[in-house]
Amino acid sequence: MTVTKYNASGNDFIIFHSHKKDDRSDMAIKLCDRHSGVGADGMVVLVPSETYDFEWEFYNSNGSTAPMCGNASRATAHYACEKGISLNNKAIFLTGAGVISVAVNGDYATTDMTRPEVLDKTIEEFGREWWLIDTGVPHLVAFVEDISIFDIQIAKELRYKYNANVNIAFVDINNDCLNVRTYERGVEDETLACGTGMVACFVRANIEKLVGNNVKVYPKSKEEIYISLDEGIYKFGGRISKVFEAEVFI
């Protein structure tokens, strides 16, 4: 079978399309393995939809599924436009979190995210105040003064206690930007970037009036991401790169 590998702000994905739905958890584990497989944070399969351009199946590298992934939505839209599955440089498709629309302009893609929901503002853990925010998947968000310190063991403990991804963010008030680090469920480690996590951090910072409605966000990969709130729509934009297309044997 032929697969395409994409990188979106440090998150990497294996993408291909199929004519039918299936349970591909074992395939995701094999293909995402960085030693014996292609290597990726996740795998996306595009399957037919009667209503939209397509429906996606999203798998984390451990074979678990997730309703939404911000960076994968941008990479998948680019793939769909290149393959002719989506037309006019715009992809509209169904995810577990709802319908997603992505505009593609060359190697840049902007996703209209699902409306976030603040689930809890009162969590106190390890001397910090955490918000639990659902941006398609649940995220814990805390603000820190030193983004260089991210205790993975603490993040892992919180991830299992709240069944959520875990984010720390430094808010640069003077430059209206955020620096974010994320421990992701399904990967079970820190990743170089997490789109829904960056949006969750923006949601909290915006509600607390620490940033405006248009910000730059820098994940661990240091790639520049733009997030905005425009007439009630959260937009998440950044560059994507098609790394390679290859034939793999399963």
C-alpha atoms as a PDB file:
ATOM      1  CA  MET A   1       0.000   0.000   0.000  1.00  0.00           C
ATOM      2  CA  THR A   2       1.056   3.598  -0.575  1.00  0.00           C
ATOM      3  CA  VAL A   3       1.166   6.079   2.275  1.00  0.00           C
ATOM      4  CA  THR A   4       2.192   9.716   2.535  1.00  0.00           C
ATOM      5  CA  LYS A   5       4.046  11.192   5.481  1.00  0.00           C
ATOM      6  CA  TYR A   6       3.360  14.778   6.503  1.00  0.00           C
ATOM      7  CA  ASN A   7       4.838  17.122   9.059  1.00  0.00           C
ATOM      8  CA  ALA A   8       2.729  19.901  10.570  1.00  0.00           C
ATOM      9  CA  SER A   9       4.600  22.167  12.981  1.00  0.00           C
ATOM     10  CA  GLY A  10       6.537  19.243  14.415  1.00  0.00           C
ATOM     11  CA  ASN A  11       3.675  16.726  14.541  1.00  0.00           C
ATOM     12  CA  ASP A  12       4.149  14.011  11.932  1.00  0.00           C
ATOM     13  CA  PHE A  13       1.439  11.840  10.417  1.00  0.00           C
ATOM     14  CA  ILE A  14       0.980   8.919   8.061  1.00  0.00           C
ATOM     15  CA  ILE A  15      -1.950   9.564   5.709  1.00  0.00           C
ATOM     16  CA  PHE A  16      -3.731   7.434   3.111  1.00  0.00           C
ATOM     17  CA  HIS A  17      -7.265   6.910   1.815  1.00  0.00           C
ATOM     18  CA  SER A  18      -9.447   3.838   1.595  1.00  0.00           C
ATOM     19  CA  HIS A  19     -12.857   2.928   0.174  1.00  0.00           C
ATOM     20  CA  LYS A  20     -14.196   1.610   3.496  1.00  0.00           C
ATOM     21  CA  LYS A  21     -14.074   2.032   7.246  1.00  0.00           C
ATOM     22  CA  ASP A  22     -12.173  -0.488   9.320  1.00  0.00           C
ATOM     23  CA  ASP A  23     -10.428  -0.986  12.632  1.00  0.00           C
ATOM     24  CA  ARG A  24      -6.845  -0.118  11.801  1.00  0.00           C
ATOM     25  CA  SER A  25      -5.475   0.176  15.342  1.00  0.00           C
ATOM     26  CA  ASP A  26      -2.893  -2.559  14.833  1.00  0.00           C
ATOM     27  CA  MET A  27      -1.824  -1.026  11.529  1.00  0.00           C
ATOM     28  CA  ALA A  28      -1.365   2.356  13.226  1.00  0.00           C
ATOM     29  CA  ILE A  29       0.884   0.824  15.876  1.00  0.00           C
ATOM     30  CA  LYS A  30       3.021  -0.871  13.227  1.00  0.00           C
ATOM     31  CA  LEU A  31       3.285   2.067  10.839  1.00  0.00           C
ATOM     32  CA  CYS A  32       3.856   4.705  13.541  1.00  0.00           C
ATOM     33  CA  ASP A  33       6.705   2.769  15.136  1.00  0.00           C
ATOM     34  CA  ARG A  34       9.852   4.839  14.633  1.00  0.00           C
ATOM     35  CA  HIS A  35      12.147   1.799  14.456  1.00  0.00           C
ATOM     36  CA  SER A  36      10.284  -0.873  12.506  1.00  0.00           C
ATOM     37  CA  GLY A  37       7.685   1.269  10.742  1.00  0.00           C
ATOM     38  CA  VAL A  38       7.422   4.607   8.983  1.00  0.00           C
ATOM     39  CA  GLY A  39       7.422   6.545  12.236  1.00  0.00           C
ATOM     40  CA  ALA A  40       4.804   9.133  13.212  1.00  0.00           C
ATOM     41  CA  ASP A  41       2.768  10.636  16.030  1.00  0.00           C
ATOM     42  CA  GLY A  42      -0.446   9.468  14.380  1.00  0.00           C
ATOM     43  CA  MET A  43      -2.154   7.966  11.363  1.00  0.00           C
ATOM     44  CA  VAL A  44      -5.087   9.347   9.354  1.00  0.00           C
ATOM     45  CA  VAL A  45      -7.286   7.350   6.982  1.00  0.00           C
ATOM     46  CA  LEU A  46      -9.694   9.161   4.650  1.00  0.00           C
ATOM     47  CA  VAL A  47     -12.879   7.207   3.946  1.00  0.00           C
ATOM     48  CA  PRO A  48     -15.882   8.156   1.775  1.00  0.00           C
ATOM     49  CA  SER A  49     -18.689  10.362   3.074  1.00  0.00           C
ATOM     50  CA  GLU A  50     -22.059  10.964   1.418  1.00  0.00           C
ATOM     51  CA  THR A  51     -22.307  14.481   2.844  1.00  0.00           C
ATOM     52  CA  TYR A  52     -18.768  15.859   3.032  1.00  0.00           C
ATOM     53  CA  ASP A  53     -15.532  15.541   1.069  1.00  0.00           C
ATOM     54  CA  PHE A  54     -14.615  12.608   3.269  1.00  0.00           C
ATOM     55  CA  GLU A  55     -14.657  11.290   6.812  1.00  0.00           C
ATOM     56  CA  TRP A  56     -11.472  10.615   8.694  1.00  0.00           C
ATOM     57  CA  GLU A  57     -10.287   7.907  11.016  1.00  0.00           C
ATOM     58  CA  PHE A  58      -7.604   9.253  13.344  1.00  0.00           C
ATOM     59  CA  TYR A  59      -5.258   6.976  15.275  1.00  0.00           C
ATOM     60  CA  ASN A  60      -2.600   7.852  17.804  1.00  0.00           C
ATOM     61  CA  SER A  61       0.728   6.068  17.596  1.00  0.00           C
ATOM     62  CA  ASN A  62      -0.360   3.601  20.313  1.00  0.00           C
ATOM     63  CA  GLY A  63      -3.367   2.539  18.247  1.00  0.00           C
ATOM     64  CA  SER A  64      -5.955   4.478  20.229  1.00  0.00           C
ATOM     65  CA  THR A  65      -8.377   6.757  18.405  1.00  0.00           C
ATOM     66  CA  ALA A  66      -9.022  10.452  18.956  1.00  0.00           C
ATOM     67  CA  PRO A  67     -11.920  12.609  17.774  1.00  0.00           C
ATOM     68  CA  MET A  68      -9.769  15.563  16.715  1.00  0.00           C
ATOM     69  CA  CYS A  69      -6.202  16.665  16.029  1.00  0.00           C
ATOM     70  CA  GLY A  70      -5.497  20.230  14.936  1.00  0.00           C
ATOM     71  CA  ASN A  71      -2.203  19.681  13.166  1.00  0.00           C
ATOM     72  CA  ALA A  72      -3.460  16.506  11.486  1.00  0.00           C
ATOM     73  CA  SER A  73      -6.486  18.414  10.163  1.00  0.00           C
ATOM     74  CA  ARG A  74      -4.168  20.779   8.285  1.00  0.00           C
ATOM     75  CA  ALA A  75      -1.970  17.999   6.900  1.00  0.00           C
ATOM     76  CA  THR A  76      -4.993  15.924   5.908  1.00  0.00           C
ATOM     77  CA  ALA A  77      -6.597  18.836   4.075  1.00  0.00           C
ATOM     78  CA  HIS A  78      -3.413  19.358   2.053  1.00  0.00           C
ATOM     79  CA  TYR A  79      -3.365  15.658   1.189  1.00  0.00           C
ATOM     80  CA  ALA A  80      -7.043  15.704   0.182  1.00  0.00           C
ATOM     81  CA  CYS A  81      -6.571  18.718  -2.092  1.00  0.00           C
ATOM     82  CA  GLU A  82      -3.479  17.216  -3.708  1.00  0.00           C
ATOM     83  CA  LYS A  83      -5.259  13.910  -4.369  1.00  0.00           C
ATOM     84  CA  GLY A  84      -8.377  15.592  -5.765  1.00  0.00           C
ATOM     85  CA  ILE A  85     -10.576  14.352  -2.926  1.00  0.00           C
ATOM     86  CA  SER A  86     -11.251  17.984  -1.989  1.00  0.00           C
ATOM     87  CA  LEU A  87     -11.553  20.778  -4.544  1.00  0.00           C
ATOM     88  CA  ASN A  88     -10.943  24.531  -4.753  1.00  0.00           C
ATOM     89  CA  ASN A  89      -8.219  24.479  -2.075  1.00  0.00           C
ATOM     90  CA  LYS A  90     -10.701  23.768   0.687  1.00  0.00           C
ATOM     91  CA  ALA A  91     -11.455  20.575   2.577  1.00  0.00           C
ATOM     92  CA  ILE A  92     -14.653  19.984   4.519  1.00  0.00           C
ATOM     93  CA  PHE A  93     -14.701  16.695   6.367  1.00  0.00           C
ATOM     94  CA  LEU A  94     -16.195  14.817   9.289  1.00  0.00           C
ATOM     95  CA  THR A  95     -14.188  14.049  12.434  1.00  0.00           C
ATOM     96  CA  GLY A  96     -15.191  12.573  15.764  1.00  0.00           C
ATOM     97  CA  ALA A  97     -15.456  16.139  17.071  1.00  0.00           C
ATOM     98  CA  GLY A  98     -17.711  17.321  14.240  1.00  0.00           C
ATOM     99  CA  VAL A  99     -17.345  18.889  10.805  1.00  0.00           C
ATOM    100  CA  ILE A 100     -14.017  20.602  10.123  1.00  0.00           C
ATOM    101  CA  SER A 101     -13.251  23.145   7.393  1.00  0.00           C
ATOM    102  CA  VAL A 102      -9.683  23.808   6.278  1.00  0.00           C
ATOM    103  CA  ALA A 103      -8.456  26.342   3.727  1.00  0.00           C
ATOM    104  CA  VAL A 104      -5.244  25.378   1.906  1.00  0.00           C
ATOM    105  CA  ASN A 105      -2.929  27.918   0.297  1.00  0.00           C
ATOM    106  CA  GLY A 106       0.222  26.246  -0.991  1.00  0.00           C
ATOM    107  CA  ASP A 107       2.100  24.872   2.001  1.00  0.00           C
ATOM    108  CA  TYR A 108      -0.038  26.822   4.452  1.00  0.00           C
ATOM    109  CA  ALA A 109      -3.342  25.620   5.876  1.00  0.00           C
ATOM    110  CA  THR A 110      -5.859  27.196   8.250  1.00  0.00           C
ATOM    111  CA  THR A 111      -8.385  25.155  10.185  1.00  0.00           C
ATOM    112  CA  ASP A 112     -11.688  26.457  11.537  1.00  0.00           C
ATOM    113  CA  MET A 113     -11.661  24.638  14.854  1.00  0.00           C
ATOM    114  CA  THR A 114     -14.677  23.226  16.640  1.00  0.00           C
ATOM    115  CA  ARG A 115     -16.028  25.545  19.341  1.00  0.00           C
ATOM    116  CA  PRO A 116     -14.039  24.980  22.551  1.00  0.00           C
ATOM    117  CA  GLU A 117     -15.698  24.256  25.876  1.00  0.00           C
ATOM    118  CA  VAL A 118     -14.215  25.213  29.228  1.00  0.00           C
ATOM    119  CA  LEU A 119     -15.008  22.257  31.486  1.00  0.00           C
ATOM    120  CA  ASP A 120     -13.318  23.298  34.739  1.00  0.00           C
ATOM    121  CA  LYS A 121     -11.427  26.368  35.986  1.00  0.00           C
ATOM    122  CA  THR A 122     -10.802  25.179  39.536  1.00  0.00           C
ATOM    123  CA  ILE A 123      -8.235  22.390  39.327  1.00  0.00           C
ATOM    124  CA  GLU A 124      -5.241  22.781  41.633  1.00  0.00           C
ATOM    125  CA  GLU A 125      -2.374  20.354  41.212  1.00  0.00           C
ATOM    126  CA  PHE A 126       1.338  20.558  42.029  1.00  0.00           C
ATOM    127  CA  GLY A 127       1.098  24.196  43.122  1.00  0.00           C
ATOM    128  CA  ARG A 128      -0.543  25.395  39.904  1.00  0.00           C
ATOM    129  CA  GLU A 129      -4.027  26.360  38.780  1.00  0.00           C
ATOM    130  CA  TRP A 130      -5.187  24.310  35.818  1.00  0.00           C
ATOM    131  CA  TRP A 131      -8.096  24.761  33.439  1.00  0.00           C
ATOM    132  CA  LEU A 132      -9.655  21.787  31.692  1.00  0.00           C
ATOM    133  CA  ILE A 133     -10.673  22.798  28.175  1.00  0.00           C
ATOM    134  CA  ASP A 134     -12.130  20.664  25.382  1.00  0.00           C
ATOM    135  CA  THR A 135     -10.959  21.791  21.925  1.00  0.00           C
ATOM    136  CA  GLY A 136     -12.043  18.582  20.223  1.00  0.00           C
ATOM    137  CA  VAL A 137     -10.098  16.600  22.811  1.00  0.00           C
ATOM    138  CA  PRO A 138      -9.604  17.512  26.506  1.00  0.00           C
ATOM    139  CA  HIS A 139      -6.603  19.569  27.606  1.00  0.00           C
ATOM    140  CA  LEU A 140      -5.278  20.667  30.965  1.00  0.00           C
ATOM    141  CA  VAL A 141      -3.702  24.136  30.749  1.00  0.00           C
ATOM    142  CA  ALA A 142      -1.469  25.913  33.257  1.00  0.00           C
ATOM    143  CA  PHE A 143       0.570  29.096  32.842  1.00  0.00           C
ATOM    144  CA  VAL A 144       4.220  29.113  33.885  1.00  0.00           C
ATOM    145  CA  GLU A 145       7.037  31.625  34.146  1.00  0.00           C
ATOM    146  CA  ASP A 146       9.716  29.281  32.778  1.00  0.00           C
ATOM    147  CA  ILE A 147       8.694  27.220  29.748  1.00  0.00           C
ATOM    148  CA  SER A 148      12.028  25.360  29.786  1.00  0.00           C
ATOM    149  CA  ILE A 149      10.916  23.315  32.803  1.00  0.00           C
ATOM    150  CA  PHE A 150       8.339  20.660  31.956  1.00  0.00           C
ATOM    151  CA  ASP A 151       8.148  17.721  34.363  1.00  0.00           C
ATOM    152  CA  ILE A 152       7.118  14.764  32.218  1.00  0.00           C
ATOM    153  CA  GLN A 153       6.374  12.579  35.231  1.00  0.00           C
ATOM    154  CA  ILE A 154       3.923  15.143  36.606  1.00  0.00           C
ATOM    155  CA  ALA A 155       2.376  15.533  33.160  1.00  0.00           C
ATOM    156  CA  LYS A 156       1.968  11.770  32.893  1.00  0.00           C
ATOM    157  CA  GLU A 157       0.303  11.595  36.311  1.00  0.00           C
ATOM    158  CA  LEU A 158      -2.135  14.374  35.394  1.00  0.00           C
ATOM    159  CA  ARG A 159      -2.836  12.835  31.995  1.00  0.00           C
ATOM    160  CA  TYR A 160      -4.097   9.634  33.623  1.00  0.00           C
ATOM    161  CA  LYS A 161      -5.869  11.310  36.530  1.00  0.00           C
ATOM    162  CA  TYR A 162      -7.922  13.586  34.244  1.00  0.00           C
ATOM    163  CA  ASN A 163      -7.743  11.531  31.018  1.00  0.00           C
ATOM    164  CA  ALA A 164      -6.528  14.655  29.232  1.00  0.00           C
ATOM    165  CA  ASN A 165      -3.555  16.059  27.369  1.00  0.00           C
ATOM    166  CA  VAL A 166      -1.365  18.276  29.545  1.00  0.00           C
ATOM    167  CA  ASN A 167      -0.070  21.717  28.522  1.00  0.00           C
ATOM    168  CA  ILE A 168       2.064  24.400  30.064  1.00  0.00           C
ATOM    169  CA  ALA A 169       2.252  27.833  28.466  1.00  0.00           C
ATOM    170  CA  PHE A 170       4.280  30.987  28.914  1.00  0.00           C
ATOM    171  CA  VAL A 171       2.317  34.092  28.010  1.00  0.00           C
ATOM    172  CA  ASP A 172       4.482  36.830  26.484  1.00  0.00           C
ATOM    173  CA  ILE A 173       2.160  39.744  27.185  1.00  0.00           C
ATOM    174  CA  ASN A 174       4.449  42.334  25.584  1.00  0.00           C
ATOM    175  CA  ASN A 175       4.535  40.526  22.234  1.00  0.00           C
ATOM    176  CA  ASP A 176       1.035  39.007  22.333  1.00  0.00           C
ATOM    177  CA  CYS A 177       2.315  35.466  21.875  1.00  0.00           C
ATOM    178  CA  LEU A 178       2.397  32.114  23.618  1.00  0.00           C
ATOM    179  CA  ASN A 179       5.044  29.442  24.077  1.00  0.00           C
ATOM    180  CA  VAL A 180       3.498  26.016  24.634  1.00  0.00           C
ATOM    181  CA  ARG A 181       4.632  22.522  25.546  1.00  0.00           C
ATOM    182  CA  THR A 182       2.313  19.501  25.469  1.00  0.00           C
ATOM    183  CA  TYR A 183       2.210  15.955  26.775  1.00  0.00           C
ATOM    184  CA  GLU A 184      -0.127  14.038  24.465  1.00  0.00           C
ATOM    185  CA  ARG A 185      -2.427  11.138  25.166  1.00  0.00           C
ATOM    186  CA  GLY A 186      -1.971   8.312  22.717  1.00  0.00           C
ATOM    187  CA  VAL A 187       1.652   9.234  22.104  1.00  0.00           C
ATOM    188  CA  GLU A 188       2.233   9.124  25.881  1.00  0.00           C
ATOM    189  CA  ASP A 189       5.069  11.603  25.763  1.00  0.00           C
ATOM    190  CA  GLU A 190       5.794  15.219  24.975  1.00  0.00           C
ATOM    191  CA  THR A 191       5.427  16.010  21.277  1.00  0.00           C
ATOM    192  CA  LEU A 192       6.988  18.794  19.246  1.00  0.00           C
ATOM    193  CA  ALA A 193       3.574  20.397  18.763  1.00  0.00           C
ATOM    194  CA  CYS A 194      -0.113  19.860  19.463  1.00  0.00           C
ATOM    195  CA  GLY A 195      -2.680  21.954  17.621  1.00  0.00           C
ATOM    196  CA  THR A 196      -5.645  21.404  19.917  1.00  0.00           C
ATOM    197  CA  GLY A 197      -3.327  22.033  22.876  1.00  0.00           C
ATOM    198  CA  MET A 198      -2.111  25.349  21.498  1.00  0.00           C
ATOM    199  CA  VAL A 199      -5.704  26.393  20.863  1.00  0.00           C
ATOM    200  CA  ALA A 200      -6.655  25.417  24.423  1.00  0.00           C
ATOM    201  CA  CYS A 201      -3.846  27.605  25.788  1.00  0.00           C
ATOM    202  CA  PHE A 202      -5.024  30.479  23.613  1.00  0.00           C
ATOM    203  CA  VAL A 203      -8.611  30.029  24.829  1.00  0.00           C
ATOM    204  CA  ARG A 204      -7.587  30.412  28.466  1.00  0.00           C
ATOM    205  CA  ALA A 205      -5.216  33.318  27.811  1.00  0.00           C
ATOM    206  CA  ASN A 206      -7.865  35.102  25.751  1.00  0.00           C
ATOM    207  CA  ILE A 207     -10.610  34.608  28.340  1.00  0.00           C
ATOM    208  CA  GLU A 208      -8.288  35.934  31.051  1.00  0.00           C
ATOM    209  CA  LYS A 209      -7.489  38.892  28.769  1.00  0.00           C
ATOM    210  CA  LEU A 210      -3.773  38.144  28.736  1.00  0.00           C
ATOM    211  CA  VAL A 211      -3.714  38.182  24.921  1.00  0.00           C
ATOM    212  CA  GLY A 212      -5.841  39.666  22.167  1.00  0.00           C
ATOM    213  CA  ASN A 213      -7.822  37.909  19.462  1.00  0.00           C
ATOM    214  CA  ASN A 214      -4.809  37.327  17.175  1.00  0.00           C
ATOM    215  CA  VAL A 215      -1.655  35.694  18.516  1.00  0.00           C
ATOM    216  CA  LYS A 216       1.474  33.880  17.452  1.00  0.00           C
ATOM    217  CA  VAL A 217       2.104  30.574  19.182  1.00  0.00           C
ATOM    218  CA  TYR A 218       5.378  28.683  19.388  1.00  0.00           C
ATOM    219  CA  PRO A 219       5.341  24.974  20.296  1.00  0.00           C
ATOM    220  CA  LYS A 220       8.449  22.990  21.207  1.00  0.00           C
ATOM    221  CA  SER A 221       9.354  22.729  17.504  1.00  0.00           C
ATOM    222  CA  LYS A 222       9.617  26.573  17.461  1.00  0.00           C
ATOM    223  CA  GLU A 223       7.563  26.757  14.275  1.00  0.00           C
ATOM    224  CA  GLU A 224       5.321  29.800  14.122  1.00  0.00           C
ATOM    225  CA  ILE A 225       1.584  29.186  14.430  1.00  0.00           C
ATOM    226  CA  TYR A 226      -1.204  31.743  14.160  1.00  0.00           C
ATOM    227  CA  ILE A 227      -4.373  31.440  16.205  1.00  0.00           C
ATOM    228  CA  SER A 228      -7.229  33.911  16.090  1.00  0.00           C
ATOM    229  CA  LEU A 229     -10.775  34.401  17.270  1.00  0.00           C
ATOM    230  CA  ASP A 230     -12.792  35.880  14.424  1.00  0.00           C
ATOM    231  CA  GLU A 231     -16.556  36.360  14.817  1.00  0.00           C
ATOM    232  CA  GLY A 232     -16.773  33.416  17.190  1.00  0.00           C
ATOM    233  CA  ILE A 233     -14.626  31.116  15.038  1.00  0.00           C
ATOM    234  CA  TYR A 234     -11.262  29.895  16.313  1.00  0.00           C
ATOM    235  CA  LYS A 235      -8.807  29.744  13.421  1.00  0.00           C
ATOM    236  CA  PHE A 236      -5.586  27.764  13.598  1.00  0.00           C
ATOM    237  CA  GLY A 237      -3.035  28.303  10.820  1.00  0.00           C
ATOM    238  CA  GLY A 238       0.497  27.239   9.979  1.00  0.00           C
ATOM    239  CA  ARG A 239       2.738  25.595   7.439  1.00  0.00           C
ATOM    240  CA  ILE A 240       2.705  21.917   6.562  1.00  0.00           C
ATOM    241  CA  SER A 241       5.189  19.862   4.615  1.00  0.00           C
ATOM    242  CA  LYS A 242       4.786  16.687   2.611  1.00  0.00           C
ATOM    243  CA  VAL A 243       7.814  14.669   3.700  1.00  0.00           C
ATOM    244  CA  PHE A 244       7.554  11.686   1.341  1.00  0.00           C
ATOM    245  CA  GLU A 245       5.288   9.173  -0.340  1.00  0.00           C
ATOM    246  CA  ALA A 246       6.259   5.531  -0.152  1.00  0.00           C
ATOM    247  CA  GLU A 247       5.107   1.972  -0.631  1.00  0.00           C
ATOM    248  CA  VAL A 248       4.948   0.000   2.614  1.00  0.00           C
ATOM    249  CA  PHE A 249       4.352  -3.673   3.286  1.00  0.00           C
ATOM    250  CA  ILE A 250       1.899  -4.727   6.003  1.00  0.00           C
END
